[in-house]
PDB file of N, CA and C in Angstrom:
ATOM      1  N   MET A   1      -7.809  19.568 -15.885  1.00  0.00           N
ATOM      2  CA  MET A   1      -7.085  18.681 -15.167  1.00  0.00           C
ATOM      3  C   MET A   1      -7.774  17.633 -14.698  1.00  0.00           C
ATOM      4  N   ALA A   2      -7.562  16.492 -15.290  1.00  0.00           N
ATOM      5  CA  ALA A   2      -8.027  15.056 -14.413  1.00  0.00           C
ATOM      6  C   ALA A   2      -8.087  15.026 -13.153  1.00  0.00           C
ATOM      7  N   ARG A   3      -9.058  13.943 -12.513  1.00  0.00           N
ATOM      8  CA  ARG A   3      -8.568  13.895 -11.148  1.00  0.00           C
ATOM      9  C   ARG A   3      -7.714  12.845 -10.810  1.00  0.00           C
ATOM     10  N   ALA A   4      -6.926  13.070  -9.804  1.00  0.00           N
ATOM     11  CA  ALA A   4      -5.957  11.968  -9.516  1.00  0.00           C
ATOM     12  C   ALA A   4      -6.801  10.627  -9.069  1.00  0.00           C
ATOM     13  N   PRO A   5      -6.385   9.585  -9.299  1.00  0.00           N
ATOM     14  CA  PRO A   5      -6.829   8.268  -9.129  1.00  0.00           C
ATOM     15  C   PRO A   5      -7.131   8.321  -7.484  1.00  0.00           C
ATOM     16  N   LYS A   6      -8.357   7.456  -7.055  1.00  0.00           N
ATOM     17  CA  LYS A   6      -8.523   7.095  -5.889  1.00  0.00           C
ATOM     18  C   LYS A   6      -7.459   6.434  -5.093  1.00  0.00           C
ATOM     19  N   PRO A   7      -7.372   6.224  -3.795  1.00  0.00           N
ATOM     20  CA  PRO A   7      -6.258   5.401  -3.337  1.00  0.00           C
ATOM     21  C   PRO A   7      -6.526   3.895  -3.467  1.00  0.00           C
ATOM     22  N   PRO A   8      -5.552   3.101  -3.667  1.00  0.00           N
ATOM     23  CA  PRO A   8      -5.819   1.509  -3.725  1.00  0.00           C
ATOM     24  C   PRO A   8      -6.606   1.009  -2.526  1.00  0.00           C
ATOM     25  N   VAL A   9      -7.585   0.215  -2.789  1.00  0.00           N
ATOM     26  CA  VAL A   9      -8.601  -0.296  -1.966  1.00  0.00           C
ATOM     27  C   VAL A   9      -7.633  -0.680  -0.497  1.00  0.00           C
ATOM     28  N   TYR A  10      -6.728  -1.465  -0.757  1.00  0.00           N
ATOM     29  CA  TYR A  10      -5.917  -2.190   0.402  1.00  0.00           C
ATOM     30  C   TYR A  10      -5.226  -1.005   1.383  1.00  0.00           C
ATOM     31  N   LEU A  11      -4.995   0.067   0.945  1.00  0.00           N
ATOM     32  CA  LEU A  11      -4.602   0.888   1.753  1.00  0.00           C
ATOM     33  C   LEU A  11      -5.044   0.995   3.231  1.00  0.00           C
ATOM     34  N   ASN A  12      -4.426   1.124   4.277  1.00  0.00           N
ATOM     35  CA  ASN A  12      -4.900   1.200   5.422  1.00  0.00           C
ATOM     36  C   ASN A  12      -5.310   2.813   5.509  1.00  0.00           C
ATOM     37  N   ASP A  13      -5.928   3.318   6.676  1.00  0.00           N
ATOM     38  CA  ASP A  13      -6.505   4.514   6.861  1.00  0.00           C
ATOM     39  C   ASP A  13      -5.427   5.670   6.947  1.00  0.00           C
ATOM     40  N   ILE A  14      -3.823   5.292   7.470  1.00  0.00           N
ATOM     41  CA  ILE A  14      -2.857   6.075   7.566  1.00  0.00           C
ATOM     42  C   ILE A  14      -2.223   6.112   6.056  1.00  0.00           C
ATOM     43  N   ALA A  15      -2.062   5.273   5.227  1.00  0.00           N
ATOM     44  CA  ALA A  15      -1.654   4.986   3.971  1.00  0.00           C
ATOM     45  C   ALA A  15      -2.676   5.969   2.971  1.00  0.00           C
ATOM     46  N   ALA A  16      -4.020   5.600   3.368  1.00  0.00           N
ATOM     47  CA  ALA A  16      -4.897   6.527   2.257  1.00  0.00           C
ATOM     48  C   ALA A  16      -5.014   7.892   2.089  1.00  0.00           C
ATOM     49  N   GLU A  17      -4.851   8.297   3.571  1.00  0.00           N
ATOM     50  CA  GLU A  17      -4.710   9.853   3.916  1.00  0.00           C
ATOM     51  C   GLU A  17      -3.401  10.431   3.172  1.00  0.00           C
ATOM     52  N   GLN A  18      -2.471   9.752   3.270  1.00  0.00           N
ATOM     53  CA  GLN A  18      -1.269  10.331   2.484  1.00  0.00           C
ATOM     54  C   GLN A  18      -1.357  10.449   1.218  1.00  0.00           C
ATOM     55  N   TRP A  19      -2.256   9.248   0.634  1.00  0.00           N
ATOM     56  CA  TRP A  19      -2.417   9.140  -0.958  1.00  0.00           C
ATOM     57  C   TRP A  19      -3.103  10.511  -1.445  1.00  0.00           C
ATOM     58  N   LYS A  20      -4.488  10.676  -0.483  1.00  0.00           N
ATOM     59  CA  LYS A  20      -5.007  11.958  -0.935  1.00  0.00           C
ATOM     60  C   LYS A  20      -4.248  13.082  -0.926  1.00  0.00           C
ATOM     61  N   SER A  21      -3.497  13.358   0.250  1.00  0.00           N
ATOM     62  CA  SER A  21      -2.641  14.370   0.395  1.00  0.00           C
ATOM     63  C   SER A  21      -1.575  14.812  -0.846  1.00  0.00           C
ATOM     64  N   LYS A  22      -1.024  13.526  -0.899  1.00  0.00           N
ATOM     65  CA  LYS A  22       0.307  13.570  -2.093  1.00  0.00           C
ATOM     66  C   LYS A  22      -0.540  13.565  -3.521  1.00  0.00           C
ATOM     67  N   ALA A  23      -1.472  12.704  -3.640  1.00  0.00           N
ATOM     68  CA  ALA A  23      -1.896  12.757  -5.031  1.00  0.00           C
ATOM     69  C   ALA A  23      -2.472  14.049  -5.692  1.00  0.00           C
ATOM     70  N   LYS A  24      -3.137  14.872  -4.741  1.00  0.00           N
ATOM     71  CA  LYS A  24      -3.467  16.266  -5.071  1.00  0.00           C
ATOM     72  C   LYS A  24      -2.211  16.997  -5.572  1.00  0.00           C
ATOM     73  N   ILE A  25      -0.971  16.989  -4.686  1.00  0.00           N
ATOM     74  CA  ILE A  25       0.023  17.766  -5.147  1.00  0.00           C
ATOM     75  C   ILE A  25       0.755  17.349  -6.702  1.00  0.00           C
ATOM     76  N   LEU A  26       0.701  16.032  -6.685  1.00  0.00           N
ATOM     77  CA  LEU A  26       1.424  15.297  -7.899  1.00  0.00           C
ATOM     78  C   LEU A  26       0.569  15.723  -9.308  1.00  0.00           C
ATOM     79  N   ASN A  27      -1.122  15.526  -8.814  1.00  0.00           N
ATOM     80  CA  ASN A  27      -1.778  15.871 -10.129  1.00  0.00           C
ATOM     81  C   ASN A  27      -1.936  17.142 -10.475  1.00  0.00           C
ATOM     82  N   GLU A  28      -1.687  17.796  -9.719  1.00  0.00           N
ATOM     83  CA  GLU A  28      -1.481  19.484 -10.263  1.00  0.00           C
ATOM     84  C   GLU A  28      -0.452  19.808 -11.012  1.00  0.00           C
ATOM     85  N   ARG A  29       0.887  18.712 -11.112  1.00  0.00           N
ATOM     86  CA  ARG A  29       2.013  18.885 -11.955  1.00  0.00           C
ATOM     87  C   ARG A  29       1.580  18.660 -13.328  1.00  0.00           C
ATOM     88  N   GLU A  30       0.463  18.034 -13.433  1.00  0.00           N
ATOM     89  CA  GLU A  30       0.223  17.428 -14.986  1.00  0.00           C
ATOM     90  C   GLU A  30       1.133  16.713 -15.623  1.00  0.00           C
ATOM     91  N   ASP A  31       2.170  16.159 -15.254  1.00  0.00           N
ATOM     92  CA  ASP A  31       3.491  15.354 -15.910  1.00  0.00           C
ATOM     93  C   ASP A  31       3.537  14.309 -15.529  1.00  0.00           C
ATOM     94  N   LEU A  32       2.627  13.365 -15.013  1.00  0.00           N
ATOM     95  CA  LEU A  32       2.630  11.859 -14.436  1.00  0.00           C
ATOM     96  C   LEU A  32       2.552  10.973 -15.359  1.00  0.00           C
ATOM     97  N   SER A  33       3.153   9.926 -15.201  1.00  0.00           N
ATOM     98  CA  SER A  33       3.118   8.603 -15.778  1.00  0.00           C
ATOM     99  C   SER A  33       2.425   7.571 -14.876  1.00  0.00           C
ATOM    100  N   PRO A  34       1.964   6.340 -15.290  1.00  0.00           N
ATOM    101  CA  PRO A  34       1.217   5.371 -14.381  1.00  0.00           C
ATOM    102  C   PRO A  34       2.463   5.081 -13.390  1.00  0.00           C
ATOM    103  N   ALA A  35       3.547   5.109 -14.029  1.00  0.00           N
ATOM    104  CA  ALA A  35       4.553   4.557 -12.797  1.00  0.00           C
ATOM    105  C   ALA A  35       4.819   5.573 -11.772  1.00  0.00           C
ATOM    106  N   ASP A  36       4.333   6.692 -11.913  1.00  0.00           N
ATOM    107  CA  ASP A  36       4.579   7.822 -10.743  1.00  0.00           C
ATOM    108  C   ASP A  36       3.700   7.164  -9.658  1.00  0.00           C
ATOM    109  N   TRP A  37       2.308   6.912 -10.230  1.00  0.00           N
ATOM    110  CA  TRP A  37       1.252   6.330  -9.062  1.00  0.00           C
ATOM    111  C   TRP A  37       1.558   5.367  -8.482  1.00  0.00           C
ATOM    112  N   ASN A  38       2.388   4.539  -9.060  1.00  0.00           N
ATOM    113  CA  ASN A  38       3.045   3.141  -8.420  1.00  0.00           C
ATOM    114  C   ASN A  38       3.935   3.601  -7.218  1.00  0.00           C
ATOM    115  N   ASN A  39       4.856   4.488  -7.739  1.00  0.00           N
ATOM    116  CA  ASN A  39       5.671   5.009  -6.559  1.00  0.00           C
ATOM    117  C   ASN A  39       4.986   5.588  -5.675  1.00  0.00           C
ATOM    118  N   LEU A  40       4.113   6.376  -5.875  1.00  0.00           N
ATOM    119  CA  LEU A  40       3.114   6.989  -4.686  1.00  0.00           C
ATOM    120  C   LEU A  40       2.568   5.960  -3.856  1.00  0.00           C
ATOM    121  N   GLU A  41       2.198   4.772  -4.323  1.00  0.00           N
ATOM    122  CA  GLU A  41       1.676   3.810  -3.573  1.00  0.00           C
ATOM    123  C   GLU A  41       2.531   3.263  -2.708  1.00  0.00           C
ATOM    124  N   LEU A  42       4.172   2.832  -3.010  1.00  0.00           N
ATOM    125  CA  LEU A  42       5.073   2.457  -2.304  1.00  0.00           C
ATOM    126  C   LEU A  42       5.275   3.513  -1.251  1.00  0.00           C
ATOM    127  N   TYR A  43       5.271   4.745  -1.528  1.00  0.00           N
ATOM    128  CA  TYR A  43       5.533   5.799  -0.586  1.00  0.00           C
ATOM    129  C   TYR A  43       4.299   5.605   0.630  1.00  0.00           C
ATOM    130  N   CYS A  44       3.241   5.441   0.134  1.00  0.00           N
ATOM    131  CA  CYS A  44       2.177   5.617   0.895  1.00  0.00           C
ATOM    132  C   CYS A  44       2.165   4.380   2.135  1.00  0.00           C
ATOM    133  N   VAL A  45       2.475   3.408   1.409  1.00  0.00           N
ATOM    134  CA  VAL A  45       2.471   2.072   1.972  1.00  0.00           C
ATOM    135  C   VAL A  45       3.556   1.825   3.272  1.00  0.00           C
ATOM    136  N   ASN A  46       4.706   2.654   2.833  1.00  0.00           N
ATOM    137  CA  ASN A  46       5.962   2.603   3.589  1.00  0.00           C
ATOM    138  C   ASN A  46       5.814   3.951   4.691  1.00  0.00           C
ATOM    139  N   TYR A  47       4.869   4.851   4.642  1.00  0.00           N
ATOM    140  CA  TYR A  47       4.526   5.720   5.430  1.00  0.00           C
ATOM    141  C   TYR A  47       3.868   5.077   6.518  1.00  0.00           C
ATOM    142  N   ALA A  48       2.808   4.425   6.278  1.00  0.00           N
ATOM    143  CA  ALA A  48       1.913   3.682   6.942  1.00  0.00           C
ATOM    144  C   ALA A  48       2.669   2.782   8.125  1.00  0.00           C
ATOM    145  N   ILE A  49       3.822   2.140   7.278  1.00  0.00           N
ATOM    146  CA  ILE A  49       4.591   1.068   8.343  1.00  0.00           C
ATOM    147  C   ILE A  49       5.333   1.949   9.129  1.00  0.00           C
ATOM    148  N   TYR A  50       5.959   2.936   8.752  1.00  0.00           N
ATOM    149  CA  TYR A  50       6.919   4.007   9.532  1.00  0.00           C
ATOM    150  C   TYR A  50       6.054   4.621  10.530  1.00  0.00           C
ATOM    151  N   ARG A  51       4.885   4.926  10.263  1.00  0.00           N
ATOM    152  CA  ARG A  51       3.970   5.575  11.561  1.00  0.00           C
ATOM    153  C   ARG A  51       3.645   4.540  12.735  1.00  0.00           C
ATOM    154  N   LYS A  52       3.482   3.124  12.239  1.00  0.00           N
ATOM    155  CA  LYS A  52       2.967   2.112  13.207  1.00  0.00           C
ATOM    156  C   LYS A  52       4.450   1.700  13.706  1.00  0.00           C
ATOM    157  N   ALA A  53       5.570   1.553  13.142  1.00  0.00           N
ATOM    158  CA  ALA A  53       6.765   1.387  13.997  1.00  0.00           C
ATOM    159  C   ALA A  53       7.178   2.412  14.894  1.00  0.00           C
ATOM    160  N   VAL A  54       6.985   3.731  14.536  1.00  0.00           N
ATOM    161  CA  VAL A  54       7.254   4.634  15.268  1.00  0.00           C
ATOM    162  C   VAL A  54       6.369   4.673  16.787  1.00  0.00           C
ATOM    163  N   ALA A  55       4.867   4.294  16.748  1.00  0.00           N
ATOM    164  CA  ALA A  55       4.191   3.944  17.689  1.00  0.00           C
ATOM    165  C   ALA A  55       4.506   2.975  18.429  1.00  0.00           C
ATOM    166  N   ASP A  56       4.954   1.890  17.924  1.00  0.00           N
ATOM    167  CA  ASP A  56       5.474   0.838  18.546  1.00  0.00           C
ATOM    168  C   ASP A  56       6.637   1.035  19.470  1.00  0.00           C
ATOM    169  N   ILE A  57       7.675   1.562  18.992  1.00  0.00           N
ATOM    170  CA  ILE A  57       8.903   2.033  19.568  1.00  0.00           C
ATOM    171  C   ILE A  57       8.711   2.985  20.797  1.00  0.00           C
ATOM    172  N   GLU A  58       7.463   3.957  20.683  1.00  0.00           N
ATOM    173  CA  GLU A  58       7.170   4.660  21.587  1.00  0.00           C
ATOM    174  C   GLU A  58       6.544   3.918  22.884  1.00  0.00           C
ATOM    175  N   LEU A  59       5.634   2.977  22.505  1.00  0.00           N
ATOM    176  CA  LEU A  59       5.067   2.084  23.366  1.00  0.00           C
ATOM    177  C   LEU A  59       5.818   1.002  24.172  1.00  0.00           C
ATOM    178  N   ARG A  60       6.784   0.420  23.284  1.00  0.00           N
ATOM    179  CA  ARG A  60       7.633  -0.953  23.776  1.00  0.00           C
ATOM    180  C   ARG A  60       9.092  -0.335  24.179  1.00  0.00           C
ATOM    181  N   GLY A  61       9.460   0.856  23.674  1.00  0.00           N
ATOM    182  CA  GLY A  61      10.912   0.952  23.683  1.00  0.00           C
ATOM    183  C   GLY A  61      11.723   0.652  22.782  1.00  0.00           C
ATOM    184  N   PHE A  62      13.249   0.845  22.909  1.00  0.00           N
ATOM    185  CA  PHE A  62      14.133   0.304  21.744  1.00  0.00           C
ATOM    186  C   PHE A  62      14.439  -1.303  22.033  1.00  0.00           C
ATOM    187  N   ALA A  63      14.305  -1.664  23.196  1.00  0.00           N
ATOM    188  CA  ALA A  63      14.698  -3.217  23.748  1.00  0.00           C
ATOM    189  C   ALA A  63      13.333  -3.992  24.028  1.00  0.00           C
ATOM    190  N   VAL A  64      13.083  -5.024  23.563  1.00  0.00           N
ATOM    191  CA  VAL A  64      11.894  -5.807  23.978  1.00  0.00           C
ATOM    192  C   VAL A  64      12.613  -7.093  24.501  1.00  0.00           C
ATOM    193  N   GLU A  65      11.625  -7.906  25.074  1.00  0.00           N
ATOM    194  CA  GLU A  65      11.961  -9.351  25.589  1.00  0.00           C
ATOM    195  C   GLU A  65      11.786 -10.175  24.349  1.00  0.00           C
ATOM    196  N   GLY A  66      12.960 -10.949  24.154  1.00  0.00           N
ATOM    197  CA  GLY A  66      12.917 -11.880  22.991  1.00  0.00           C
ATOM    198  C   GLY A  66      12.459 -13.272  23.551  1.00  0.00           C
ATOM    199  N   SER A  67      12.209 -14.208  22.559  1.00  0.00           N
ATOM    200  CA  SER A  67      11.879 -15.709  22.700  1.00  0.00           C
ATOM    201  C   SER A  67      12.348 -16.506  23.652  1.00  0.00           C
ATOM    202  N   ARG A  68      13.706 -16.099  24.373  1.00  0.00           N
ATOM    203  CA  ARG A  68      14.210 -16.758  25.138  1.00  0.00           C
ATOM    204  C   ARG A  68      14.345 -15.986  26.756  1.00  0.00           C
ATOM    205  N   GLY A  69      13.607 -14.895  26.663  1.00  0.00           N
ATOM    206  CA  GLY A  69      13.661 -14.108  27.914  1.00  0.00           C
ATOM    207  C   GLY A  69      14.595 -12.976  28.076  1.00  0.00           C
ATOM    208  N   ALA A  70      15.693 -12.726  26.922  1.00  0.00           N
ATOM    209  CA  ALA A  70      16.589 -11.798  27.288  1.00  0.00           C
ATOM    210  C   ALA A  70      16.269 -10.725  26.349  1.00  0.00           C
ATOM    211  N   ALA A  71      16.873  -9.498  26.553  1.00  0.00           N
ATOM    212  CA  ALA A  71      16.566  -8.225  25.837  1.00  0.00           C
ATOM    213  C   ALA A  71      17.165  -8.501  24.515  1.00  0.00           C
ATOM    214  N   THR A  72      16.109  -7.785  23.638  1.00  0.00           N
ATOM    215  CA  THR A  72      16.616  -7.964  22.170  1.00  0.00           C
ATOM    216  C   THR A  72      16.316  -6.530  21.775  1.00  0.00           C
ATOM    217  N   SER A  73      16.828  -6.246  20.481  1.00  0.00           N
ATOM    218  CA  SER A  73      16.153  -5.056  19.915  1.00  0.00           C
ATOM    219  C   SER A  73      14.967  -5.197  19.268  1.00  0.00           C
ATOM    220  N   ASN A  74      14.146  -4.043  19.471  1.00  0.00           N
ATOM    221  CA  ASN A  74      12.551  -4.054  19.411  1.00  0.00           C
ATOM    222  C   ASN A  74      12.573  -3.925  17.493  1.00  0.00           C
ATOM    223  N   PRO A  75      12.058  -5.171  16.919  1.00  0.00           N
ATOM    224  CA  PRO A  75      11.889  -5.494  15.623  1.00  0.00           C
ATOM    225  C   PRO A  75      11.306  -4.085  14.882  1.00  0.00           C
ATOM    226  N   SER A  76      10.689  -3.213  15.489  1.00  0.00           N
ATOM    227  CA  SER A  76      10.337  -1.956  14.751  1.00  0.00           C
ATOM    228  C   SER A  76      11.255  -1.066  14.351  1.00  0.00           C
ATOM    229  N   LEU A  77      12.629  -1.132  15.054  1.00  0.00           N
ATOM    230  CA  LEU A  77      13.486  -0.506  14.568  1.00  0.00           C
ATOM    231  C   LEU A  77      13.722  -0.613  13.315  1.00  0.00           C
ATOM    232  N   LYS A  78      14.065  -1.920  12.831  1.00  0.00           N
ATOM    233  CA  LYS A  78      14.472  -2.325  11.737  1.00  0.00           C
ATOM    234  C   LYS A  78      13.358  -1.861  10.496  1.00  0.00           C
ATOM    235  N   ALA A  79      11.981  -2.136  10.911  1.00  0.00           N
ATOM    236  CA  ALA A  79      10.913  -1.689   9.916  1.00  0.00           C
ATOM    237  C   ALA A  79      10.922  -0.491   9.660  1.00  0.00           C
ATOM    238  N   LYS A  80      11.102   0.448  11.063  1.00  0.00           N
ATOM    239  CA  LYS A  80      11.183   1.795  10.649  1.00  0.00           C
ATOM    240  C   LYS A  80      12.286   2.422   9.730  1.00  0.00           C
ATOM    241  N   ALA A  81      13.533   1.794   9.858  1.00  0.00           N
ATOM    242  CA  ALA A  81      14.708   2.146   9.038  1.00  0.00           C
ATOM    243  C   ALA A  81      14.418   1.834   7.666  1.00  0.00           C
ATOM    244  N   ASP A  82      13.906   0.427   7.422  1.00  0.00           N
ATOM    245  CA  ASP A  82      13.454   0.055   5.894  1.00  0.00           C
ATOM    246  C   ASP A  82      12.747   1.206   5.409  1.00  0.00           C
ATOM    247  N   ALA A  83      11.507   1.369   6.005  1.00  0.00           N
ATOM    248  CA  ALA A  83      10.393   2.126   5.633  1.00  0.00           C
ATOM    249  C   ALA A  83      11.192   3.523   5.148  1.00  0.00           C
ATOM    250  N   GLU A  84      11.844   4.022   6.151  1.00  0.00           N
ATOM    251  CA  GLU A  84      12.333   5.391   5.830  1.00  0.00           C
ATOM    252  C   GLU A  84      13.174   5.374   4.492  1.00  0.00           C
ATOM    253  N   LYS A  85      14.099   4.373   4.258  1.00  0.00           N
ATOM    254  CA  LYS A  85      14.937   4.507   3.093  1.00  0.00           C
ATOM    255  C   LYS A  85      13.825   4.451   1.672  1.00  0.00           C
ATOM    256  N   ILE A  86      12.700   3.586   1.758  1.00  0.00           N
ATOM    257  CA  ILE A  86      11.866   3.610   0.776  1.00  0.00           C
ATOM    258  C   ILE A  86      11.388   4.873   0.573  1.00  0.00           C
ATOM    259  N   MET A  87      10.867   5.670   1.665  1.00  0.00           N
ATOM    260  CA  MET A  87      10.164   6.685   1.612  1.00  0.00           C
ATOM    261  C   MET A  87      11.243   7.784   1.113  1.00  0.00           C
ATOM    262  N   ILE A  88      12.285   7.806   1.549  1.00  0.00           N
ATOM    263  CA  ILE A  88      13.250   8.880   1.131  1.00  0.00           C
ATOM    264  C   ILE A  88      13.440   8.801  -0.573  1.00  0.00           C
ATOM    265  N   LYS A  89      13.716   7.610  -1.063  1.00  0.00           N
ATOM    266  CA  LYS A  89      13.621   7.096  -2.412  1.00  0.00           C
ATOM    267  C   LYS A  89      12.797   7.624  -3.085  1.00  0.00           C
ATOM    268  N   MET A  90      11.301   7.094  -2.962  1.00  0.00           N
ATOM    269  CA  MET A  90      10.164   7.528  -3.344  1.00  0.00           C
ATOM    270  C   MET A  90       9.852   9.185  -3.376  1.00  0.00           C
ATOM    271  N   SER A  91      10.275  10.002  -2.473  1.00  0.00           N
ATOM    272  CA  SER A  91       9.991  11.167  -2.191  1.00  0.00           C
ATOM    273  C   SER A  91      10.823  12.066  -3.363  1.00  0.00           C
ATOM    274  N   SER A  92      12.352  11.444  -3.350  1.00  0.00           N
ATOM    275  CA  SER A  92      13.073  11.991  -4.566  1.00  0.00           C
ATOM    276  C   SER A  92      12.498  11.723  -5.785  1.00  0.00           C
ATOM    277  N   LEU A  93      12.106  10.560  -6.027  1.00  0.00           N
ATOM    278  CA  LEU A  93      11.769  10.201  -7.486  1.00  0.00           C
ATOM    279  C   LEU A  93      10.457  10.947  -7.833  1.00  0.00           C
ATOM    280  N   LEU A  94       9.425  11.156  -6.896  1.00  0.00           N
ATOM    281  CA  LEU A  94       8.013  11.833  -6.850  1.00  0.00           C
ATOM    282  C   LEU A  94       8.168  13.562  -7.108  1.00  0.00           C
ATOM    283  N   GLY A  95       9.731  14.057  -6.411  1.00  0.00           N
ATOM    284  CA  GLY A  95       9.733  15.496  -6.469  1.00  0.00           C
ATOM    285  C   GLY A  95       9.087  16.063  -4.918  1.00  0.00           C
ATOM    286  N   PHE A  96       9.245  15.175  -4.098  1.00  0.00           N
ATOM    287  CA  PHE A  96       8.553  15.810  -2.612  1.00  0.00           C
ATOM    288  C   PHE A  96       9.750  16.621  -1.916  1.00  0.00           C
ATOM    289  N   ASP A  97      11.039  16.531  -2.217  1.00  0.00           N
ATOM    290  CA  ASP A  97      12.213  16.892  -1.433  1.00  0.00           C
ATOM    291  C   ASP A  97      12.682  18.259  -2.258  1.00  0.00           C
ATOM    292  N   PRO A  98      13.113  19.327  -1.558  1.00  0.00           N
ATOM    293  CA  PRO A  98      13.580  20.376  -2.380  1.00  0.00           C
ATOM    294  C   PRO A  98      14.733  20.144  -3.825  1.00  0.00           C
ATOM    295  N   VAL A  99      15.736  19.103  -3.070  1.00  0.00           N
ATOM    296  CA  VAL A  99      16.699  18.733  -4.224  1.00  0.00           C
ATOM    297  C   VAL A  99      16.386  18.239  -5.244  1.00  0.00           C
ATOM    298  N   SER A 100      15.122  17.483  -5.629  1.00  0.00           N
ATOM    299  CA  SER A 100      14.757  16.992  -6.641  1.00  0.00           C
ATOM    300  C   SER A 100      13.799  17.899  -7.282  1.00  0.00           C
ATOM    301  N   ARG A 101      13.165  18.722  -6.513  1.00  0.00           N
ATOM    302  CA  ARG A 101      12.399  19.829  -7.329  1.00  0.00           C
ATOM    303  C   ARG A 101      13.286  20.646  -8.266  1.00  0.00           C
ATOM    304  N   ARG A 102      14.746  21.028  -7.479  1.00  0.00           N
ATOM    305  CA  ARG A 102      15.425  21.821  -8.243  1.00  0.00           C
ATOM    306  C   ARG A 102      16.024  21.119  -9.459  1.00  0.00           C
ATOM    307  N   ARG A 103      16.312  19.894  -9.255  1.00  0.00           N
ATOM    308  CA  ARG A 103      16.843  19.193 -10.480  1.00  0.00           C
ATOM    309  C   ARG A 103      15.875  18.782 -11.684  1.00  0.00           C
ATOM    310  N   ASN A 104      14.537  18.731 -11.283  1.00  0.00           N
ATOM    311  CA  ASN A 104      13.653  18.625 -12.209  1.00  0.00           C
ATOM    312  C   ASN A 104      12.453  19.600 -12.109  1.00  0.00           C
ATOM    313  N   PRO A 105      12.717  20.796 -12.629  1.00  0.00           N
ATOM    314  CA  PRO A 105      11.730  21.727 -12.356  1.00  0.00           C
ATOM    315  C   PRO A 105      10.743  21.634 -13.293  1.00  0.00           C
ATOM    316  N   ILE A 106       9.533  22.053 -12.821  1.00  0.00           N
ATOM    317  CA  ILE A 106       7.811  21.910 -13.492  1.00  0.00           C
ATOM    318  C   ILE A 106       8.011  22.984 -14.538  1.00  0.00           C
ATOM    319  N   GLU A 107       8.007  22.542 -15.899  1.00  0.00           N
ATOM    320  CA  GLU A 107       7.845  23.458 -16.847  1.00  0.00           C
ATOM    321  C   GLU A 107       6.660  24.460 -16.906  1.00  0.00           C
ATOM    322  N   SER A 108       6.826  25.706 -17.221  1.00  0.00           N
ATOM    323  CA  SER A 108       5.908  26.449 -17.189  1.00  0.00           C
ATOM    324  C   SER A 108       5.654  27.054 -18.657  1.00  0.00           C
ATOM    325  N   ASP A 109       4.469  27.845 -18.868  1.00  0.00           N
ATOM    326  CA  ASP A 109       4.542  28.812 -20.283  1.00  0.00           C
ATOM    327  C   ASP A 109       5.296  30.071 -19.983  1.00  0.00           C
ATOM    328  N   GLU A 110       5.652  30.493 -18.719  1.00  0.00           N
ATOM    329  CA  GLU A 110       6.291  31.864 -18.410  1.00  0.00           C
ATOM    330  C   GLU A 110       7.692  31.630 -18.931  1.00  0.00           C
ATOM    331  N   PRO A 111       7.985  32.788 -19.575  1.00  0.00           N
ATOM    332  CA  PRO A 111       9.675  32.731 -19.904  1.00  0.00           C
ATOM    333  C   PRO A 111      10.360  33.081 -18.673  1.00  0.00           C
ATOM    334  N   ASP A 112      11.649  32.300 -18.762  1.00  0.00           N
ATOM    335  CA  ASP A 112      12.696  32.241 -17.644  1.00  0.00           C
ATOM    336  C   ASP A 112      14.006  32.838 -18.413  1.00  0.00           C
ATOM    337  N   ASP A 113      14.809  32.875 -17.673  1.00  0.00           N
ATOM    338  CA  ASP A 113      16.242  33.533 -17.919  1.00  0.00           C
ATOM    339  C   ASP A 113      16.735  32.724 -19.195  1.00  0.00           C
ATOM    340  N   LEU A 114      16.484  31.612 -19.171  1.00  0.00           N
ATOM    341  CA  LEU A 114      17.390  30.918 -20.343  1.00  0.00           C
ATOM    342  C   LEU A 114      16.269  31.242 -21.832  1.00  0.00           C
ATOM    343  N   ASP A 115      15.245  31.421 -21.743  1.00  0.00           N
ATOM    344  CA  ASP A 115      14.091  31.895 -22.823  1.00  0.00           C
ATOM    345  C   ASP A 115      14.830  33.213 -23.043  1.00  0.00           C
ATOM    346  N   VAL A 116      14.771  34.096 -22.263  1.00  0.00           N
ATOM    347  CA  VAL A 116      15.232  35.247 -22.624  1.00  0.00           C
ATOM    348  C   VAL A 116      16.549  35.246 -23.629  1.00  0.00           C
ATOM    349  N   LEU A 117      17.589  34.545 -22.937  1.00  0.00           N
ATOM    350  CA  LEU A 117      18.940  34.694 -23.603  1.00  0.00           C
ATOM    351  C   LEU A 117      18.735  33.815 -25.048  1.00  0.00           C
ATOM    352  N   ILE A 118      17.949  32.960 -25.000  1.00  0.00           N
ATOM    353  CA  ILE A 118      17.786  32.353 -26.441  1.00  0.00           C
ATOM    354  C   ILE A 118      17.121  33.131 -27.470  1.00  0.00           C
ATOM    355  N   ALA A 119      16.056  33.929 -26.999  1.00  0.00           N
ATOM    356  CA  ALA A 119      15.361  34.603 -27.920  1.00  0.00           C
ATOM    357  C   ALA A 119      15.884  35.766 -28.703  1.00  0.00           C
TER     358      ALA A 119
END
């Protein structure tokens, strides 16, 4: 089995750690195309955005002072929501969630029930 590619150099520490963690899982499947690595990159970048947004919301709260002094919604709420949407989509495409794994099972050499029926 070939090694998974190294994380793109521009990824920050949070995204690079996710890359290493998820790339290992993906590489073990041995059914990847170059597009899958691009999807992983999108997942990792948005995971880092999500984590930073959550930290900012924890620090500053849901409302912040706007440019005119009035309370306004913390912009990190939208960043978090946008990152979550992309992460959910990429997770599904990459088979990180149970539903997508059932929909696209990993092929193995072991005979399953269908193989027994056909034989």
